[in-house]
Amino acid sequence: MKRAVISQLREILGHYREHGLKKTLAWFHSKDAPVIIQLGKYVVAGGMATVATMGTWMILCFTVLPAFSIEEIEQYRSILAKIHIDLPHYKVETLHLSDTVRASHSTYANILGWVFGNLVAYVVNALWVFEGGRHNRWLEFIYFTLVSGFSTLIGLMAGPFLIKVFGISTGVSQLSFLVTAVLVNYVCRKYFVFAK
């Protein structure tokens, strides 16, 4: 593994020496870049999809599908105030949500976030990260969506289970959802959706 990474880094340095910065950066954006660069691009694409998914989830959980406890709202409010973002002010009765209601609202918000995040993930991965060609674009998108749906379903079951059974915070349950989804998505996308 260490030798492979060193070899990849040497290849990148050699390309830079031979072609200069401009062509090396263009090479990074191509789909035939070294594996180490492709992994970096996958991480960036995943970050973009995560921001889209989590941003949608958070906006919904703070607005039309309240899913946070009073304590969580106050924690987020104080953190976001430091960067000059103001949260909407809830009526006090809205903040007293049962764990069951919080879990269901979080689930609905995750589903809607997933739709948007999946679209972002597919576009970025198909155009920038992976080499397609194993399937036509529509079939590729369907497989990509099925893989995403499968990993999301696993995460959607884990998050509410942790809230209902263990009473953990919505934020911690969301973290478990993300970790599960990332692991399942990476393996399935790499070996079943895009691989030639």
C-alpha atoms as a PDB file:
ATOM      1  CA  MET A   1       0.000   0.000   0.000  1.00  0.00           C
ATOM      2  CA  LYS A   2       2.749   2.425   1.012  1.00  0.00           C
ATOM      3  CA  ARG A   3       4.690   1.630  -2.166  1.00  0.00           C
ATOM      4  CA  ALA A   4       1.603   2.192  -4.305  1.00  0.00           C
ATOM      5  CA  VAL A   5       1.026   5.627  -2.765  1.00  0.00           C
ATOM      6  CA  ILE A   6       4.678   6.587  -3.224  1.00  0.00           C
ATOM      7  CA  SER A   7       4.539   5.367  -6.826  1.00  0.00           C
ATOM      8  CA  GLN A   8       1.414   7.442  -7.479  1.00  0.00           C
ATOM      9  CA  LEU A   9       3.003  10.536  -5.948  1.00  0.00           C
ATOM     10  CA  ARG A  10       6.098  10.037  -8.125  1.00  0.00           C
ATOM     11  CA  GLU A  11       3.871   9.738 -11.187  1.00  0.00           C
ATOM     12  CA  ILE A  12       2.175  13.029 -10.298  1.00  0.00           C
ATOM     13  CA  LEU A  13       5.507  14.778  -9.712  1.00  0.00           C
ATOM     14  CA  GLY A  14       6.879  13.397 -12.994  1.00  0.00           C
ATOM     15  CA  HIS A  15       3.814  14.632 -14.863  1.00  0.00           C
ATOM     16  CA  TYR A  16       4.231  18.062 -13.306  1.00  0.00           C
ATOM     17  CA  ARG A  17       7.915  18.233 -14.276  1.00  0.00           C
ATOM     18  CA  GLU A  18       7.195  17.137 -17.829  1.00  0.00           C
ATOM     19  CA  HIS A  19       4.012  19.126 -18.520  1.00  0.00           C
ATOM     20  CA  GLY A  20       3.886  21.997 -16.015  1.00  0.00           C
ATOM     21  CA  LEU A  21       1.234  23.101 -13.555  1.00  0.00           C
ATOM     22  CA  LYS A  22      -1.561  23.953 -15.996  1.00  0.00           C
ATOM     23  CA  LYS A  23      -1.547  20.573 -17.764  1.00  0.00           C
ATOM     24  CA  THR A  24      -1.106  18.705 -14.476  1.00  0.00           C
ATOM     25  CA  LEU A  25      -4.182  20.403 -13.007  1.00  0.00           C
ATOM     26  CA  ALA A  26      -6.107  19.569 -16.191  1.00  0.00           C
ATOM     27  CA  TRP A  27      -4.921  15.965 -15.812  1.00  0.00           C
ATOM     28  CA  PHE A  28      -6.266  15.923 -12.245  1.00  0.00           C
ATOM     29  CA  HIS A  29      -9.701  16.775 -13.624  1.00  0.00           C
ATOM     30  CA  SER A  30      -9.577  13.982 -16.192  1.00  0.00           C
ATOM     31  CA  LYS A  31     -10.916  10.526 -15.435  1.00  0.00           C
ATOM     32  CA  ASP A  32      -7.553   8.887 -16.168  1.00  0.00           C
ATOM     33  CA  ALA A  33      -5.807  10.593 -13.241  1.00  0.00           C
ATOM     34  CA  PRO A  34      -3.934   8.343 -10.783  1.00  0.00           C
ATOM     35  CA  VAL A  35      -6.012   6.381  -8.278  1.00  0.00           C
ATOM     36  CA  ILE A  36      -4.893   8.582  -5.395  1.00  0.00           C
ATOM     37  CA  ILE A  37      -6.304  11.620  -7.215  1.00  0.00           C
ATOM     38  CA  GLN A  38      -9.521   9.741  -8.038  1.00  0.00           C
ATOM     39  CA  LEU A  39      -9.938   8.930  -4.342  1.00  0.00           C
ATOM     40  CA  GLY A  40      -9.462  12.590  -3.515  1.00  0.00           C
ATOM     41  CA  LYS A  41     -12.056  13.542  -6.107  1.00  0.00           C
ATOM     42  CA  TYR A  42     -14.448  10.936  -4.669  1.00  0.00           C
ATOM     43  CA  VAL A  43     -14.023  12.519  -1.248  1.00  0.00           C
ATOM     44  CA  VAL A  44     -14.732  15.991  -2.682  1.00  0.00           C
ATOM     45  CA  ALA A  45     -17.792  14.687  -4.577  1.00  0.00           C
ATOM     46  CA  GLY A  46     -19.002  12.982  -1.421  1.00  0.00           C
ATOM     47  CA  GLY A  47     -18.504  16.193   0.505  1.00  0.00           C
ATOM     48  CA  MET A  48     -20.611  18.096  -2.013  1.00  0.00           C
ATOM     49  CA  ALA A  49     -23.373  15.489  -1.846  1.00  0.00           C
ATOM     50  CA  THR A  50     -23.193  15.451   1.953  1.00  0.00           C
ATOM     51  CA  VAL A  51     -23.533  19.234   2.109  1.00  0.00           C
ATOM     52  CA  ALA A  52     -26.557  19.022  -0.214  1.00  0.00           C
ATOM     53  CA  THR A  53     -28.142  16.198   1.802  1.00  0.00           C
ATOM     54  CA  MET A  54     -27.333  17.547   5.253  1.00  0.00           C
ATOM     55  CA  GLY A  55     -28.172  21.115   4.287  1.00  0.00           C
ATOM     56  CA  THR A  56     -31.601  20.035   3.088  1.00  0.00           C
ATOM     57  CA  TRP A  57     -32.093  17.867   6.193  1.00  0.00           C
ATOM     58  CA  MET A  58     -31.055  20.646   8.550  1.00  0.00           C
ATOM     59  CA  ILE A  59     -33.157  23.329   6.870  1.00  0.00           C
ATOM     60  CA  LEU A  60     -36.200  21.057   7.018  1.00  0.00           C
ATOM     61  CA  CYS A  61     -35.528  20.014  10.638  1.00  0.00           C
ATOM     62  CA  PHE A  62     -35.273  23.664  11.674  1.00  0.00           C
ATOM     63  CA  THR A  63     -38.335  24.790   9.721  1.00  0.00           C
ATOM     64  CA  VAL A  64     -41.215  22.667   8.429  1.00  0.00           C
ATOM     65  CA  LEU A  65     -40.270  19.337  10.075  1.00  0.00           C
ATOM     66  CA  PRO A  66     -38.983  20.276  13.552  1.00  0.00           C
ATOM     67  CA  ALA A  67     -36.805  17.437  14.818  1.00  0.00           C
ATOM     68  CA  PHE A  68     -34.609  18.972  17.500  1.00  0.00           C
ATOM     69  CA  SER A  69     -35.042  19.056  21.258  1.00  0.00           C
ATOM     70  CA  ILE A  70     -34.948  22.346  23.178  1.00  0.00           C
ATOM     71  CA  GLU A  71     -31.389  21.596  24.254  1.00  0.00           C
ATOM     72  CA  GLU A  72     -30.242  20.914  20.699  1.00  0.00           C
ATOM     73  CA  ILE A  73     -31.880  24.102  19.401  1.00  0.00           C
ATOM     74  CA  GLU A  74     -30.056  26.202  21.989  1.00  0.00           C
ATOM     75  CA  GLN A  75     -26.721  24.497  21.249  1.00  0.00           C
ATOM     76  CA  TYR A  76     -27.084  25.105  17.520  1.00  0.00           C
ATOM     77  CA  ARG A  77     -28.304  28.656  18.086  1.00  0.00           C
ATOM     78  CA  SER A  78     -25.207  29.563  20.140  1.00  0.00           C
ATOM     79  CA  ILE A  79     -22.827  27.913  17.639  1.00  0.00           C
ATOM     80  CA  LEU A  80     -24.427  29.538  14.596  1.00  0.00           C
ATOM     81  CA  ALA A  81     -24.633  32.945  16.293  1.00  0.00           C
ATOM     82  CA  LYS A  82     -20.824  32.990  16.299  1.00  0.00           C
ATOM     83  CA  ILE A  83     -20.874  33.017  12.499  1.00  0.00           C
ATOM     84  CA  HIS A  84     -23.826  35.420  12.331  1.00  0.00           C
ATOM     85  CA  ILE A  85     -26.499  32.910  11.331  1.00  0.00           C
ATOM     86  CA  ASP A  86     -29.790  33.278  13.172  1.00  0.00           C
ATOM     87  CA  LEU A  87     -32.109  30.320  13.645  1.00  0.00           C
ATOM     88  CA  PRO A  88     -35.857  30.787  13.437  1.00  0.00           C
ATOM     89  CA  HIS A  89     -37.528  31.253  16.805  1.00  0.00           C
ATOM     90  CA  TYR A  90     -39.890  28.422  17.624  1.00  0.00           C
ATOM     91  CA  LYS A  91     -43.001  28.592  19.723  1.00  0.00           C
ATOM     92  CA  VAL A  92     -42.274  26.859  23.023  1.00  0.00           C
ATOM     93  CA  GLU A  93     -44.863  24.129  22.388  1.00  0.00           C
ATOM     94  CA  THR A  94     -43.128  23.227  19.124  1.00  0.00           C
ATOM     95  CA  LEU A  95     -39.936  22.420  21.008  1.00  0.00           C
ATOM     96  CA  HIS A  96     -41.523  19.810  23.259  1.00  0.00           C
ATOM     97  CA  LEU A  97     -41.478  16.956  20.769  1.00  0.00           C
ATOM     98  CA  SER A  98     -41.521  13.313  21.739  1.00  0.00           C
ATOM     99  CA  ASP A  99     -38.677  11.080  20.614  1.00  0.00           C
ATOM    100  CA  THR A 100     -41.114   9.375  18.225  1.00  0.00           C
ATOM    101  CA  VAL A 101     -42.055  12.674  16.543  1.00  0.00           C
ATOM    102  CA  ARG A 102     -38.414  13.791  16.367  1.00  0.00           C
ATOM    103  CA  ALA A 103     -37.481  10.455  14.810  1.00  0.00           C
ATOM    104  CA  SER A 104     -40.239  10.581  12.183  1.00  0.00           C
ATOM    105  CA  HIS A 105     -39.544  14.226  11.275  1.00  0.00           C
ATOM    106  CA  SER A 106     -35.847  13.462  10.950  1.00  0.00           C
ATOM    107  CA  THR A 107     -36.686  10.485   8.719  1.00  0.00           C
ATOM    108  CA  TYR A 108     -38.896  12.561   6.395  1.00  0.00           C
ATOM    109  CA  ALA A 109     -36.262  15.296   6.208  1.00  0.00           C
ATOM    110  CA  ASN A 110     -33.601  12.678   5.418  1.00  0.00           C
ATOM    111  CA  ILE A 111     -35.680  11.265   2.573  1.00  0.00           C
ATOM    112  CA  LEU A 112     -36.085  14.700   0.996  1.00  0.00           C
ATOM    113  CA  GLY A 113     -32.421  15.495   1.605  1.00  0.00           C
ATOM    114  CA  TRP A 114     -31.463  12.201   0.029  1.00  0.00           C
ATOM    115  CA  VAL A 115     -33.324  13.013  -3.201  1.00  0.00           C
ATOM    116  CA  PHE A 116     -31.381  16.243  -3.646  1.00  0.00           C
ATOM    117  CA  GLY A 117     -28.065  14.827  -2.417  1.00  0.00           C
ATOM    118  CA  ASN A 118     -28.349  11.771  -4.676  1.00  0.00           C
ATOM    119  CA  LEU A 119     -28.819  13.967  -7.724  1.00  0.00           C
ATOM    120  CA  VAL A 120     -25.782  16.073  -6.790  1.00  0.00           C
ATOM    121  CA  ALA A 121     -23.732  12.927  -6.083  1.00  0.00           C
ATOM    122  CA  TYR A 122     -24.608  11.282  -9.386  1.00  0.00           C
ATOM    123  CA  VAL A 123     -23.856  14.343 -11.496  1.00  0.00           C
ATOM    124  CA  VAL A 124     -20.489  15.009  -9.822  1.00  0.00           C
ATOM    125  CA  ASN A 125     -19.418  11.342  -9.798  1.00  0.00           C
ATOM    126  CA  ALA A 126     -20.483  10.707 -13.393  1.00  0.00           C
ATOM    127  CA  LEU A 127     -18.918  13.869 -14.792  1.00  0.00           C
ATOM    128  CA  TRP A 128     -15.783  14.149 -12.681  1.00  0.00           C
ATOM    129  CA  VAL A 129     -14.849  11.026 -10.691  1.00  0.00           C
ATOM    130  CA  PHE A 130     -15.681   7.684 -12.297  1.00  0.00           C
ATOM    131  CA  GLU A 131     -15.380   6.357 -15.811  1.00  0.00           C
ATOM    132  CA  GLY A 132     -18.766   5.272 -17.067  1.00  0.00           C
ATOM    133  CA  GLY A 133     -19.438   2.909 -19.904  1.00  0.00           C
ATOM    134  CA  ARG A 134     -20.475  -0.242 -18.141  1.00  0.00           C
ATOM    135  CA  HIS A 135     -24.123   0.797 -18.524  1.00  0.00           C
ATOM    136  CA  ASN A 136     -25.915   3.491 -20.498  1.00  0.00           C
ATOM    137  CA  ARG A 137     -26.460   6.734 -18.547  1.00  0.00           C
ATOM    138  CA  TRP A 138     -30.090   6.013 -17.587  1.00  0.00           C
ATOM    139  CA  LEU A 139     -29.313   2.520 -16.327  1.00  0.00           C
ATOM    140  CA  GLU A 140     -26.229   3.860 -14.585  1.00  0.00           C
ATOM    141  CA  PHE A 141     -28.370   6.492 -12.828  1.00  0.00           C
ATOM    142  CA  ILE A 142     -30.947   3.866 -11.846  1.00  0.00           C
ATOM    143  CA  TYR A 143     -28.246   1.598 -10.362  1.00  0.00           C
ATOM    144  CA  PHE A 144     -26.620   4.577  -8.676  1.00  0.00           C
ATOM    145  CA  THR A 145     -29.972   5.542  -7.170  1.00  0.00           C
ATOM    146  CA  LEU A 146     -30.718   1.969  -6.066  1.00  0.00           C
ATOM    147  CA  VAL A 147     -27.346   1.775  -4.306  1.00  0.00           C
ATOM    148  CA  SER A 148     -27.970   5.151  -2.686  1.00  0.00           C
ATOM    149  CA  GLY A 149     -31.478   4.082  -1.722  1.00  0.00           C
ATOM    150  CA  PHE A 150     -30.200   0.870  -0.147  1.00  0.00           C
ATOM    151  CA  SER A 151     -27.571   2.654   1.935  1.00  0.00           C
ATOM    152  CA  THR A 152     -30.058   5.359   2.889  1.00  0.00           C
ATOM    153  CA  LEU A 153     -32.594   2.756   3.979  1.00  0.00           C
ATOM    154  CA  ILE A 154     -30.007   1.180   6.266  1.00  0.00           C
ATOM    155  CA  GLY A 155     -29.172   4.603   7.711  1.00  0.00           C
ATOM    156  CA  LEU A 156     -32.832   5.572   8.055  1.00  0.00           C
ATOM    157  CA  MET A 157     -33.466   2.462  10.107  1.00  0.00           C
ATOM    158  CA  ALA A 158     -30.394   2.970  12.292  1.00  0.00           C
ATOM    159  CA  GLY A 159     -30.974   6.661  13.137  1.00  0.00           C
ATOM    160  CA  PRO A 160     -34.555   6.478  14.450  1.00  0.00           C
ATOM    161  CA  PHE A 161     -33.758   3.195  16.217  1.00  0.00           C
ATOM    162  CA  LEU A 162     -30.983   4.940  18.132  1.00  0.00           C
ATOM    163  CA  ILE A 163     -33.267   7.879  19.010  1.00  0.00           C
ATOM    164  CA  LYS A 164     -36.208   5.726  20.111  1.00  0.00           C
ATOM    165  CA  VAL A 165     -34.348   2.945  21.911  1.00  0.00           C
ATOM    166  CA  PHE A 166     -31.402   4.815  23.396  1.00  0.00           C
ATOM    167  CA  GLY A 167     -32.754   8.393  23.451  1.00  0.00           C
ATOM    168  CA  ILE A 168     -29.598   9.732  21.816  1.00  0.00           C
ATOM    169  CA  SER A 169     -29.499  13.177  20.270  1.00  0.00           C
ATOM    170  CA  THR A 170     -30.721  13.740  16.737  1.00  0.00           C
ATOM    171  CA  GLY A 171     -27.224  14.908  15.750  1.00  0.00           C
ATOM    172  CA  VAL A 172     -25.529  11.684  16.894  1.00  0.00           C
ATOM    173  CA  SER A 173     -28.158   9.584  15.129  1.00  0.00           C
ATOM    174  CA  GLN A 174     -27.517  11.599  11.960  1.00  0.00           C
ATOM    175  CA  LEU A 175     -23.795  10.916  12.246  1.00  0.00           C
ATOM    176  CA  SER A 176     -24.484   7.164  12.397  1.00  0.00           C
ATOM    177  CA  PHE A 177     -26.656   7.563   9.294  1.00  0.00           C
ATOM    178  CA  LEU A 178     -23.839   9.289   7.394  1.00  0.00           C
ATOM    179  CA  VAL A 179     -21.157   6.769   8.341  1.00  0.00           C
ATOM    180  CA  THR A 180     -23.346   3.838   7.298  1.00  0.00           C
ATOM    181  CA  ALA A 181     -24.328   5.468   4.000  1.00  0.00           C
ATOM    182  CA  VAL A 182     -20.756   6.414   3.046  1.00  0.00           C
ATOM    183  CA  LEU A 183     -19.390   2.913   3.593  1.00  0.00           C
ATOM    184  CA  VAL A 184     -22.131   1.135   1.646  1.00  0.00           C
ATOM    185  CA  ASN A 185     -22.124   3.708  -1.183  1.00  0.00           C
ATOM    186  CA  TYR A 186     -18.388   3.607  -1.783  1.00  0.00           C
ATOM    187  CA  VAL A 187     -18.172  -0.151  -2.132  1.00  0.00           C
ATOM    188  CA  CYS A 188     -21.267  -0.495  -4.314  1.00  0.00           C
ATOM    189  CA  ARG A 189     -20.554   2.462  -6.597  1.00  0.00           C
ATOM    190  CA  LYS A 190     -16.952   1.507  -7.171  1.00  0.00           C
ATOM    191  CA  TYR A 191     -17.594  -2.147  -7.966  1.00  0.00           C
ATOM    192  CA  PHE A 192     -21.147  -2.344  -9.339  1.00  0.00           C
ATOM    193  CA  VAL A 193     -22.214   0.963 -10.854  1.00  0.00           C
ATOM    194  CA  PHE A 194     -19.244   2.559 -12.592  1.00  0.00           C
ATOM    195  CA  ALA A 195     -16.644  -0.190 -12.943  1.00  0.00           C
ATOM    196  CA  LYS A 196     -16.047  -1.373 -16.489  1.00  0.00           C
END
